[in-house]
Amino acid sequence: MTLTPTGTTSLRQPDVVAAAVVDTTTERGELPVVPGFVVSAFNPLVRETVRRCLGDPGTPDVPNPLTGPFPDSTAIVLATVAADATTSDTASQKLVSGRVHNPLLFFQSVTTSIVGHLAIEYGLTGPIHCIAADHQADTTALDAAALLLLDDTIDQVLVIGVELAANPRTAAAFARLAALGHDGRPPAADLAVALLLRPGPAGHAGVPAEPQDPAPDDAAAGPLHRLAALAESARRPLGEER
């Protein structure tokens, strides 16, 4: 399913129920590995950010309090500009050099691989959407979430924004986007944001309808600056410092 969010500023804006940010500029130590995923920081980054947002997956006897009541009605939206460039570049370099490739690299180069892994961990069977946006990836993700929440079968949406620090190839791509007038600044370091959204009002930090330009102190978040700002502002009143 392809979402084309147009005219979404008239939609009722969702509320932030839980939030988390993992910024490797300030993180210390390695992120927990994800079984079956190799080489790239992309997948551990996504998984750890979601874990901090939602808490641990839970068990059949003690389900996760945020996802357990909504196994079939939790949608996931992941937004990125360059996606898992580490995996894509490693696989491509092995291929063109004639070296034996690792099949895992081709599996995990598909962005839905880590999202599917998380859906299994948390027992979620709702719709999954992965968005590659060359401009306002954060706003596009929030618009997609607002559209999904119009569906009576969707109770909440997990929005994930993720971007790796630029390598030479993606730095050139971001520079090209900037030259075209897009928000072409990559994040200062590997960065992921997760927000759990539900239809407002619910007494939580509401999502503003209109995007704002990044302040000087959040420009380091690059194309995820709006998601990062929402997460930081929401975590304080929600007490979600996981």
C-alpha atoms as a PDB file:
ATOM      1  CA  MET A   1       0.000   0.000   0.000  1.00  0.00           C
ATOM      2  CA  THR A   2       1.340   3.418  -0.941  1.00  0.00           C
ATOM      3  CA  LEU A   3       0.276   6.429   1.071  1.00  0.00           C
ATOM      4  CA  THR A   4       0.215   9.849  -0.575  1.00  0.00           C
ATOM      5  CA  PRO A   5      -0.421  12.309   2.266  1.00  0.00           C
ATOM      6  CA  THR A   6      -1.824  15.460   0.692  1.00  0.00           C
ATOM      7  CA  GLY A   7      -3.785  18.129   2.502  1.00  0.00           C
ATOM      8  CA  THR A   8      -3.220  16.336   5.809  1.00  0.00           C
ATOM      9  CA  THR A   9      -2.979  19.507   7.905  1.00  0.00           C
ATOM     10  CA  SER A  10      -6.765  19.341   8.322  1.00  0.00           C
ATOM     11  CA  LEU A  11      -6.545  15.913   9.930  1.00  0.00           C
ATOM     12  CA  ARG A  12      -6.989  15.598  13.674  1.00  0.00           C
ATOM     13  CA  GLN A  13      -3.443  15.511  14.951  1.00  0.00           C
ATOM     14  CA  PRO A  14      -2.367  12.479  17.016  1.00  0.00           C
ATOM     15  CA  ASP A  15      -0.936  12.499  20.521  1.00  0.00           C
ATOM     16  CA  VAL A  16       2.420  11.165  21.672  1.00  0.00           C
ATOM     17  CA  VAL A  17       1.994   8.254  24.092  1.00  0.00           C
ATOM     18  CA  ALA A  18       5.639   7.151  24.331  1.00  0.00           C
ATOM     19  CA  ALA A  19       8.896   8.365  22.821  1.00  0.00           C
ATOM     20  CA  ALA A  20      12.589   7.572  22.638  1.00  0.00           C
ATOM     21  CA  VAL A  21      15.720   8.872  20.921  1.00  0.00           C
ATOM     22  CA  VAL A  22      19.022   7.073  20.414  1.00  0.00           C
ATOM     23  CA  ASP A  23      21.736   9.483  19.307  1.00  0.00           C
ATOM     24  CA  THR A  24      25.206   7.976  18.975  1.00  0.00           C
ATOM     25  CA  THR A  25      26.700  11.416  19.502  1.00  0.00           C
ATOM     26  CA  THR A  26      25.993  10.966  23.213  1.00  0.00           C
ATOM     27  CA  GLU A  27      25.558   7.186  23.526  1.00  0.00           C
ATOM     28  CA  ARG A  28      28.328   5.242  25.237  1.00  0.00           C
ATOM     29  CA  GLY A  29      29.163   1.693  24.249  1.00  0.00           C
ATOM     30  CA  GLU A  30      27.821  -0.638  21.602  1.00  0.00           C
ATOM     31  CA  LEU A  31      24.117  -1.099  21.035  1.00  0.00           C
ATOM     32  CA  PRO A  32      22.761  -4.620  21.639  1.00  0.00           C
ATOM     33  CA  VAL A  33      23.156  -6.808  18.572  1.00  0.00           C
ATOM     34  CA  VAL A  34      20.143  -8.128  16.683  1.00  0.00           C
ATOM     35  CA  PRO A  35      20.287 -11.880  15.988  1.00  0.00           C
ATOM     36  CA  GLY A  36      20.499 -12.541  12.264  1.00  0.00           C
ATOM     37  CA  PHE A  37      21.721  -9.037  11.357  1.00  0.00           C
ATOM     38  CA  VAL A  38      25.375  -8.227  10.698  1.00  0.00           C
ATOM     39  CA  VAL A  39      27.829  -5.450   9.817  1.00  0.00           C
ATOM     40  CA  SER A  40      25.545  -2.418   9.998  1.00  0.00           C
ATOM     41  CA  ALA A  41      24.520  -0.254  12.955  1.00  0.00           C
ATOM     42  CA  PHE A  42      21.172   0.479  11.273  1.00  0.00           C
ATOM     43  CA  ASN A  43      19.276  -2.518  12.617  1.00  0.00           C
ATOM     44  CA  PRO A  44      20.544  -2.434  16.242  1.00  0.00           C
ATOM     45  CA  LEU A  45      19.797   1.298  16.221  1.00  0.00           C
ATOM     46  CA  VAL A  46      16.175   0.780  15.154  1.00  0.00           C
ATOM     47  CA  ARG A  47      15.590  -2.074  17.559  1.00  0.00           C
ATOM     48  CA  GLU A  48      17.080  -0.337  20.603  1.00  0.00           C
ATOM     49  CA  THR A  49      15.135   2.855  19.942  1.00  0.00           C
ATOM     50  CA  VAL A  50      11.870   0.931  19.709  1.00  0.00           C
ATOM     51  CA  ARG A  51      12.707  -0.998  22.886  1.00  0.00           C
ATOM     52  CA  ARG A  52      13.284   2.251  24.773  1.00  0.00           C
ATOM     53  CA  CYS A  53      10.026   3.664  23.423  1.00  0.00           C
ATOM     54  CA  LEU A  54       7.792   0.660  24.066  1.00  0.00           C
ATOM     55  CA  GLY A  55       9.688  -1.192  26.774  1.00  0.00           C
ATOM     56  CA  ASP A  56      10.634  -4.856  26.496  1.00  0.00           C
ATOM     57  CA  PRO A  57       8.393  -7.022  24.289  1.00  0.00           C
ATOM     58  CA  GLY A  58       6.780  -8.924  27.146  1.00  0.00           C
ATOM     59  CA  THR A  59       5.544 -12.508  27.280  1.00  0.00           C
ATOM     60  CA  PRO A  60       2.211 -14.254  26.631  1.00  0.00           C
ATOM     61  CA  ASP A  61       1.560 -14.219  30.383  1.00  0.00           C
ATOM     62  CA  VAL A  62       2.737 -10.639  30.920  1.00  0.00           C
ATOM     63  CA  PRO A  63       2.237  -8.747  27.629  1.00  0.00           C
ATOM     64  CA  ASN A  64       3.807  -5.396  26.896  1.00  0.00           C
ATOM     65  CA  PRO A  65       1.410  -2.761  28.314  1.00  0.00           C
ATOM     66  CA  LEU A  66       1.647  -0.520  25.252  1.00  0.00           C
ATOM     67  CA  THR A  67       1.304  -3.136  22.514  1.00  0.00           C
ATOM     68  CA  GLY A  68      -0.311  -6.104  24.267  1.00  0.00           C
ATOM     69  CA  PRO A  69      -3.856  -4.659  24.056  1.00  0.00           C
ATOM     70  CA  PHE A  70      -3.393  -3.765  20.378  1.00  0.00           C
ATOM     71  CA  PRO A  71      -1.609  -6.651  18.608  1.00  0.00           C
ATOM     72  CA  ASP A  72      -3.648  -6.368  15.409  1.00  0.00           C
ATOM     73  CA  SER A  73      -4.298  -2.632  15.461  1.00  0.00           C
ATOM     74  CA  THR A  74      -0.771  -1.228  15.870  1.00  0.00           C
ATOM     75  CA  ALA A  75       0.620   0.075  12.591  1.00  0.00           C
ATOM     76  CA  ILE A  76       4.300   0.809  11.990  1.00  0.00           C
ATOM     77  CA  VAL A  77       5.731   3.592   9.835  1.00  0.00           C
ATOM     78  CA  LEU A  78       9.481   3.802   9.295  1.00  0.00           C
ATOM     79  CA  ALA A  79      10.880   6.854   7.512  1.00  0.00           C
ATOM     80  CA  THR A  80      14.406   7.423   6.260  1.00  0.00           C
ATOM     81  CA  VAL A  81      16.316   9.173   3.508  1.00  0.00           C
ATOM     82  CA  ALA A  82      19.332   6.940   2.836  1.00  0.00           C
ATOM     83  CA  ALA A  83      18.126   3.816   4.705  1.00  0.00           C
ATOM     84  CA  ASP A  84      20.758   1.200   5.571  1.00  0.00           C
ATOM     85  CA  ALA A  85      23.539   2.574   3.404  1.00  0.00           C
ATOM     86  CA  THR A  86      26.158   0.493   5.233  1.00  0.00           C
ATOM     87  CA  THR A  87      24.538  -2.770   4.204  1.00  0.00           C
ATOM     88  CA  SER A  88      23.769  -1.604   0.659  1.00  0.00           C
ATOM     89  CA  ASP A  89      27.301  -0.357   0.079  1.00  0.00           C
ATOM     90  CA  THR A  90      28.971  -3.423   1.616  1.00  0.00           C
ATOM     91  CA  ALA A  91      26.898  -5.793  -0.511  1.00  0.00           C
ATOM     92  CA  SER A  92      27.521  -3.742  -3.667  1.00  0.00           C
ATOM     93  CA  GLN A  93      31.278  -3.552  -3.076  1.00  0.00           C
ATOM     94  CA  LYS A  94      31.492  -7.305  -2.574  1.00  0.00           C
ATOM     95  CA  LEU A  95      29.472  -7.891  -5.721  1.00  0.00           C
ATOM     96  CA  VAL A  96      31.475  -5.638  -8.047  1.00  0.00           C
ATOM     97  CA  SER A  97      34.798  -6.935  -6.706  1.00  0.00           C
ATOM     98  CA  GLY A  98      33.830 -10.529  -7.365  1.00  0.00           C
ATOM     99  CA  ARG A  99      34.084 -11.556  -3.730  1.00  0.00           C
ATOM    100  CA  VAL A 100      31.753 -14.098  -2.177  1.00  0.00           C
ATOM    101  CA  HIS A 101      28.791 -12.238  -0.790  1.00  0.00           C
ATOM    102  CA  ASN A 102      27.000 -12.779   2.498  1.00  0.00           C
ATOM    103  CA  PRO A 103      23.321 -13.594   1.854  1.00  0.00           C
ATOM    104  CA  LEU A 104      22.388 -11.777   5.060  1.00  0.00           C
ATOM    105  CA  LEU A 105      23.440  -8.510   3.465  1.00  0.00           C
ATOM    106  CA  PHE A 106      20.823  -8.842   0.741  1.00  0.00           C
ATOM    107  CA  PHE A 107      18.165  -9.785   3.290  1.00  0.00           C
ATOM    108  CA  GLN A 108      18.826  -6.871   5.622  1.00  0.00           C
ATOM    109  CA  SER A 109      19.263  -4.306   2.823  1.00  0.00           C
ATOM    110  CA  VAL A 110      15.458  -4.370   2.645  1.00  0.00           C
ATOM    111  CA  THR A 111      14.275  -1.882   5.255  1.00  0.00           C
ATOM    112  CA  THR A 112      11.241  -3.948   6.186  1.00  0.00           C
ATOM    113  CA  SER A 113      13.522  -6.728   7.459  1.00  0.00           C
ATOM    114  CA  ILE A 114      14.209  -5.089  10.821  1.00  0.00           C
ATOM    115  CA  VAL A 115      10.626  -3.803  11.069  1.00  0.00           C
ATOM    116  CA  GLY A 116       9.340  -7.320  10.494  1.00  0.00           C
ATOM    117  CA  HIS A 117      11.736  -8.596  13.150  1.00  0.00           C
ATOM    118  CA  LEU A 118      10.305  -6.079  15.620  1.00  0.00           C
ATOM    119  CA  ALA A 119       6.739  -6.956  14.663  1.00  0.00           C
ATOM    120  CA  ILE A 120       7.466 -10.598  15.505  1.00  0.00           C
ATOM    121  CA  GLU A 121       9.124  -9.669  18.806  1.00  0.00           C
ATOM    122  CA  TYR A 122       6.187  -7.540  19.907  1.00  0.00           C
ATOM    123  CA  GLY A 123       3.498  -9.753  18.373  1.00  0.00           C
ATOM    124  CA  LEU A 124       2.219  -7.036  16.038  1.00  0.00           C
ATOM    125  CA  THR A 125       0.247  -7.925  12.923  1.00  0.00           C
ATOM    126  CA  GLY A 126      -0.896  -4.455  11.865  1.00  0.00           C
ATOM    127  CA  PRO A 127       0.154  -2.780   8.598  1.00  0.00           C
ATOM    128  CA  ILE A 128       3.792  -1.837   8.007  1.00  0.00           C
ATOM    129  CA  HIS A 129       4.918   1.056   5.815  1.00  0.00           C
ATOM    130  CA  CYS A 130       8.495   2.061   5.021  1.00  0.00           C
ATOM    131  CA  ILE A 131       8.940   5.515   3.508  1.00  0.00           C
ATOM    132  CA  ALA A 132      11.983   6.826   1.645  1.00  0.00           C
ATOM    133  CA  ALA A 133      11.540  10.593   1.462  1.00  0.00           C
ATOM    134  CA  ASP A 134      14.058  12.979  -0.078  1.00  0.00           C
ATOM    135  CA  HIS A 135      12.457  15.991   1.661  1.00  0.00           C
ATOM    136  CA  GLN A 136      10.792  16.362   5.080  1.00  0.00           C
ATOM    137  CA  ALA A 137      11.000  12.678   5.914  1.00  0.00           C
ATOM    138  CA  ASP A 138       9.860  13.423   9.457  1.00  0.00           C
ATOM    139  CA  THR A 139       6.772  15.357   8.372  1.00  0.00           C
ATOM    140  CA  THR A 140       5.914  12.695   5.792  1.00  0.00           C
ATOM    141  CA  ALA A 141       6.038  10.016   8.496  1.00  0.00           C
ATOM    142  CA  LEU A 142       3.751  12.000  10.794  1.00  0.00           C
ATOM    143  CA  ASP A 143       1.306  12.661   7.960  1.00  0.00           C
ATOM    144  CA  ALA A 144       1.244   8.940   7.158  1.00  0.00           C
ATOM    145  CA  ALA A 145       0.533   8.175  10.821  1.00  0.00           C
ATOM    146  CA  ALA A 146      -2.317  10.698  10.896  1.00  0.00           C
ATOM    147  CA  LEU A 147      -3.847   9.046   7.823  1.00  0.00           C
ATOM    148  CA  LEU A 148      -3.539   5.573   9.318  1.00  0.00           C
ATOM    149  CA  LEU A 149      -5.255   6.715  12.508  1.00  0.00           C
ATOM    150  CA  LEU A 150      -8.315   7.661  10.443  1.00  0.00           C
ATOM    151  CA  ASP A 151      -8.811   3.922   9.904  1.00  0.00           C
ATOM    152  CA  ASP A 152     -11.170   2.516  12.527  1.00  0.00           C
ATOM    153  CA  THR A 153      -9.116  -0.684  12.626  1.00  0.00           C
ATOM    154  CA  ILE A 154      -5.942   1.173  13.733  1.00  0.00           C
ATOM    155  CA  ASP A 155      -5.630   2.177  17.391  1.00  0.00           C
ATOM    156  CA  GLN A 156      -2.042   3.400  17.385  1.00  0.00           C
ATOM    157  CA  VAL A 157       0.959   3.930  15.119  1.00  0.00           C
ATOM    158  CA  LEU A 158       4.608   3.379  15.938  1.00  0.00           C
ATOM    159  CA  VAL A 159       6.589   5.959  13.964  1.00  0.00           C
ATOM    160  CA  ILE A 160      10.307   5.311  13.528  1.00  0.00           C
ATOM    161  CA  GLY A 161      12.732   7.757  11.951  1.00  0.00           C
ATOM    162  CA  VAL A 162      16.263   6.527  11.349  1.00  0.00           C
ATOM    163  CA  GLU A 163      19.319   7.875   9.583  1.00  0.00           C
ATOM    164  CA  LEU A 164      22.946   6.830   9.684  1.00  0.00           C
ATOM    165  CA  ALA A 165      25.778   9.325   9.701  1.00  0.00           C
ATOM    166  CA  ALA A 166      26.746  10.081   6.119  1.00  0.00           C
ATOM    167  CA  ASN A 167      29.406   8.075   4.315  1.00  0.00           C
ATOM    168  CA  PRO A 168      31.026   9.468   1.137  1.00  0.00           C
ATOM    169  CA  ARG A 169      28.234   8.223  -1.146  1.00  0.00           C
ATOM    170  CA  THR A 170      25.322   9.362   1.001  1.00  0.00           C
ATOM    171  CA  ALA A 171      27.062  12.662   1.800  1.00  0.00           C
ATOM    172  CA  ALA A 172      27.123  13.369  -1.936  1.00  0.00           C
ATOM    173  CA  ALA A 173      23.444  12.410  -2.167  1.00  0.00           C
ATOM    174  CA  PHE A 174      22.510  14.717   0.719  1.00  0.00           C
ATOM    175  CA  ALA A 175      24.511  17.538  -0.880  1.00  0.00           C
ATOM    176  CA  ARG A 176      22.595  17.027  -4.111  1.00  0.00           C
ATOM    177  CA  LEU A 177      19.294  17.181  -2.220  1.00  0.00           C
ATOM    178  CA  ALA A 178      20.400  20.371  -0.502  1.00  0.00           C
ATOM    179  CA  ALA A 179      21.241  21.889  -3.881  1.00  0.00           C
ATOM    180  CA  LEU A 180      17.684  21.117  -4.976  1.00  0.00           C
ATOM    181  CA  GLY A 181      16.324  23.001  -1.979  1.00  0.00           C
ATOM    182  CA  HIS A 182      15.490  19.949   0.121  1.00  0.00           C
ATOM    183  CA  ASP A 183      16.448  19.421   3.763  1.00  0.00           C
ATOM    184  CA  GLY A 184      19.711  17.874   2.699  1.00  0.00           C
ATOM    185  CA  ARG A 185      21.695  17.977   5.940  1.00  0.00           C
ATOM    186  CA  PRO A 186      22.479  14.454   7.243  1.00  0.00           C
ATOM    187  CA  PRO A 187      22.473  13.855  11.006  1.00  0.00           C
ATOM    188  CA  ALA A 188      25.722  14.505  12.861  1.00  0.00           C
ATOM    189  CA  ALA A 189      25.834  10.837  13.939  1.00  0.00           C
ATOM    190  CA  ASP A 190      23.724   7.689  13.723  1.00  0.00           C
ATOM    191  CA  LEU A 191      20.293   8.686  14.973  1.00  0.00           C
ATOM    192  CA  ALA A 192      16.901   7.049  15.485  1.00  0.00           C
ATOM    193  CA  VAL A 193      13.641   8.310  16.949  1.00  0.00           C
ATOM    194  CA  ALA A 194      10.545   6.321  17.914  1.00  0.00           C
ATOM    195  CA  LEU A 195       7.126   7.762  18.740  1.00  0.00           C
ATOM    196  CA  LEU A 196       3.986   5.848  19.666  1.00  0.00           C
ATOM    197  CA  LEU A 197       0.985   7.881  18.486  1.00  0.00           C
ATOM    198  CA  ARG A 198      -2.717   7.545  19.211  1.00  0.00           C
ATOM    199  CA  PRO A 199      -5.694   9.653  18.121  1.00  0.00           C
ATOM    200  CA  GLY A 200      -5.901  12.886  20.120  1.00  0.00           C
ATOM    201  CA  PRO A 201      -6.866  14.253  22.462  1.00  0.00           C
ATOM    202  CA  ALA A 202      -5.564  11.842  25.075  1.00  0.00           C
ATOM    203  CA  GLY A 203      -3.951  14.177  27.568  1.00  0.00           C
ATOM    204  CA  HIS A 204      -0.514  13.770  26.080  1.00  0.00           C
ATOM    205  CA  ALA A 205       1.813  15.988  24.062  1.00  0.00           C
ATOM    206  CA  GLY A 206      -0.002  16.671  20.810  1.00  0.00           C
ATOM    207  CA  VAL A 207       1.724  16.676  17.436  1.00  0.00           C
ATOM    208  CA  PRO A 208       1.687  20.178  15.896  1.00  0.00           C
ATOM    209  CA  ALA A 209      -0.060  20.290  12.535  1.00  0.00           C
ATOM    210  CA  GLU A 210       2.576  22.449  10.829  1.00  0.00           C
ATOM    211  CA  PRO A 211       6.301  21.629  10.577  1.00  0.00           C
ATOM    212  CA  GLN A 212       8.762  24.065  12.071  1.00  0.00           C
ATOM    213  CA  ASP A 213      12.247  24.976  10.954  1.00  0.00           C
ATOM    214  CA  PRO A 214      14.948  23.369  13.092  1.00  0.00           C
ATOM    215  CA  ALA A 215      16.428  25.426  15.890  1.00  0.00           C
ATOM    216  CA  PRO A 216      20.220  25.709  15.917  1.00  0.00           C
ATOM    217  CA  ASP A 217      20.487  23.145  18.704  1.00  0.00           C
ATOM    218  CA  ASP A 218      18.483  20.448  16.884  1.00  0.00           C
ATOM    219  CA  ALA A 219      19.875  20.959  13.387  1.00  0.00           C
ATOM    220  CA  ALA A 220      22.241  18.051  14.098  1.00  0.00           C
ATOM    221  CA  ALA A 221      19.224  15.726  13.750  1.00  0.00           C
ATOM    222  CA  GLY A 222      19.150  16.485  10.032  1.00  0.00           C
ATOM    223  CA  PRO A 223      15.970  15.290   8.279  1.00  0.00           C
ATOM    224  CA  LEU A 224      14.666  13.827  11.566  1.00  0.00           C
ATOM    225  CA  HIS A 225      14.722  17.116  13.471  1.00  0.00           C
ATOM    226  CA  ARG A 226      10.937  17.358  13.905  1.00  0.00           C
ATOM    227  CA  LEU A 227      10.642  13.796  15.203  1.00  0.00           C
ATOM    228  CA  ALA A 228      13.584  14.321  17.556  1.00  0.00           C
ATOM    229  CA  ALA A 229      12.124  17.573  18.891  1.00  0.00           C
ATOM    230  CA  LEU A 230       8.741  15.906  19.476  1.00  0.00           C
ATOM    231  CA  ALA A 231      10.367  13.010  21.289  1.00  0.00           C
ATOM    232  CA  GLU A 232      12.440  15.242  23.527  1.00  0.00           C
ATOM    233  CA  SER A 233       9.475  17.454  24.438  1.00  0.00           C
ATOM    234  CA  ALA A 234       7.171  14.485  25.001  1.00  0.00           C
ATOM    235  CA  ARG A 235       9.487  12.360  27.111  1.00  0.00           C
ATOM    236  CA  ARG A 236       9.662  14.912  29.916  1.00  0.00           C
ATOM    237  CA  PRO A 237       5.929  15.163  30.696  1.00  0.00           C
ATOM    238  CA  LEU A 238       5.427  11.488  29.941  1.00  0.00           C
ATOM    239  CA  GLY A 239       8.321  10.389  32.147  1.00  0.00           C
ATOM    240  CA  GLU A 240       9.518   8.093  29.381  1.00  0.00           C
ATOM    241  CA  GLU A 241      13.240   8.227  30.226  1.00  0.00           C
ATOM    242  CA  ARG A 242      13.779   4.540  29.590  1.00  0.00           C
END
